[in-house]
Amino acid sequence: MANSSSDDIAALREDLNSLRQDLSSLISNLKTDAAKNMSRGASQLDENMQAFYRSALNSGEEQARQLSKKIEDHPLLAIMLVLGAGYLGGRMLSR
């Protein structure tokens, strides 16, 4: 009977050690997977931000071209608008 109990305790210790190793391996794999997922997420965010920047830059350039064309098409109107805005700004700042 004493032999049987000591065999059971030895088997339990082996099982616990095996469980500890399995748990350690699982945690290590979870850390590795989390790091990979974070890296992929950061890479995707970087790609999205670069695409947004290119889109905003292209849109801004297009708006500048359109404004330039309107000024070229109607230079007198553009001068009058700028003078009017300057006059109003001056009046507002003088108060």
Protein backbone atom coordinates (compact mmCIF):
# COMPACT_ATOMS: atom_id res chain seq x y z
CA MET A 1 0.00 0.00 0.00
CA ALA A 2 2.81 2.43 0.83
CA ASN A 3 4.38 1.60 -2.51
CA SER A 4 1.13 2.34 -4.32
CA SER A 5 0.76 5.74 -2.61
CA SER A 6 4.30 6.71 -3.41
CA ASP A 7 3.80 5.63 -7.03
CA ASP A 8 0.65 7.76 -7.19
CA ILE A 9 2.46 10.76 -5.74
CA ALA A 10 5.31 10.32 -8.20
CA ALA A 11 2.82 10.08 -11.08
CA LEU A 12 1.06 13.23 -9.82
CA ARG A 13 4.38 15.09 -9.67
CA GLU A 14 5.18 14.04 -13.22
CA ASP A 15 1.74 15.14 -14.37
CA LEU A 16 2.14 18.51 -12.62
CA ASN A 17 5.56 19.04 -14.17
CA SER A 18 4.17 18.17 -17.57
CA LEU A 19 1.25 20.53 -17.03
CA ARG A 20 3.64 23.29 -15.94
CA GLN A 21 5.71 22.81 -19.11
CA ASP A 22 2.60 22.78 -21.30
CA LEU A 23 1.32 25.97 -19.66
CA SER A 24 4.69 27.66 -20.07
CA SER A 25 4.74 26.69 -23.75
CA LEU A 26 1.19 27.96 -24.23
CA ILE A 27 2.01 31.32 -22.66
CA SER A 28 5.12 31.63 -24.79
CA ASN A 29 3.11 30.90 -27.95
CA LEU A 30 0.44 33.42 -26.94
CA LYS A 31 3.11 36.10 -26.45
CA THR A 32 4.61 35.34 -29.86
CA ASP A 33 1.21 35.41 -31.57
CA ALA A 34 0.26 38.66 -29.85
CA ALA A 35 3.52 40.28 -30.95
CA LYS A 36 2.96 39.12 -34.55
CA ASN A 37 -0.62 40.43 -34.53
CA MET A 38 0.48 43.78 -33.15
CA SER A 39 3.18 44.03 -35.80
CA ARG A 40 0.67 43.25 -38.55
CA GLY A 41 -1.78 45.78 -37.13
CA ALA A 42 0.90 48.47 -36.98
CA SER A 43 1.94 47.70 -40.54
CA GLN A 44 -1.67 47.92 -41.75
CA LEU A 45 -2.17 51.20 -39.89
CA ASP A 46 0.98 52.58 -41.51
CA GLU A 47 -0.24 51.58 -44.97
CA ASN A 48 -3.66 53.15 -44.32
CA MET A 49 -2.12 56.39 -43.07
CA GLN A 50 0.17 56.61 -46.11
CA ALA A 51 -2.79 56.06 -48.45
CA PHE A 52 -4.77 58.75 -46.59
CA TYR A 53 -1.83 61.16 -46.83
CA ARG A 54 -1.45 60.56 -50.58
CA SER A 55 -5.18 61.05 -51.07
CA ALA A 56 -5.23 64.29 -49.06
CA LEU A 57 -2.15 65.56 -50.88
CA ASN A 58 -3.66 64.82 -54.29
CA SER A 59 -6.94 66.44 -53.29
CA GLY A 60 -5.17 69.55 -52.02
CA GLU A 61 -3.13 69.85 -55.20
CA GLU A 62 -6.27 69.51 -57.30
CA GLN A 63 -8.05 72.21 -55.28
CA ALA A 64 -5.03 74.53 -55.70
CA ARG A 65 -5.05 73.95 -59.47
CA GLN A 66 -8.77 74.72 -59.67
CA LEU A 67 -8.38 77.91 -57.62
CA SER A 68 -5.45 79.01 -59.75
CA LYS A 69 -7.48 78.43 -62.91
CA LYS A 70 -10.42 80.47 -61.53
CA ILE A 71 -8.07 83.33 -60.64
CA GLU A 72 -6.56 83.21 -64.13
CA ASP A 73 -10.02 83.17 -65.71
CA HIS A 74 -11.33 86.09 -63.59
CA PRO A 75 -8.38 88.20 -62.38
CA LEU A 76 -10.39 91.37 -61.74
CA LEU A 77 -12.91 89.52 -59.56
CA ALA A 78 -10.07 87.88 -57.63
CA ILE A 79 -8.44 91.28 -56.98
CA MET A 80 -11.73 92.78 -55.82
CA LEU A 81 -12.35 89.85 -53.46
CA VAL A 82 -8.89 90.11 -51.95
CA LEU A 83 -9.22 93.87 -51.51
CA GLY A 84 -12.67 93.47 -49.93
CA ALA A 85 -11.42 90.79 -47.53
CA GLY A 86 -8.44 92.99 -46.62
CA TYR A 87 -10.69 95.99 -45.98
CA LEU A 88 -13.04 93.96 -43.78
CA GLY A 89 -10.12 92.41 -41.90
CA GLY A 90 -8.61 95.83 -41.32
CA ARG A 91 -11.89 97.20 -40.03
CA MET A 92 -12.34 94.30 -37.66
CA LEU A 93 -8.80 94.57 -36.29
CA SER A 94 -8.98 98.32 -35.81
CA ARG A 95 -11.79 98.00 -33.25
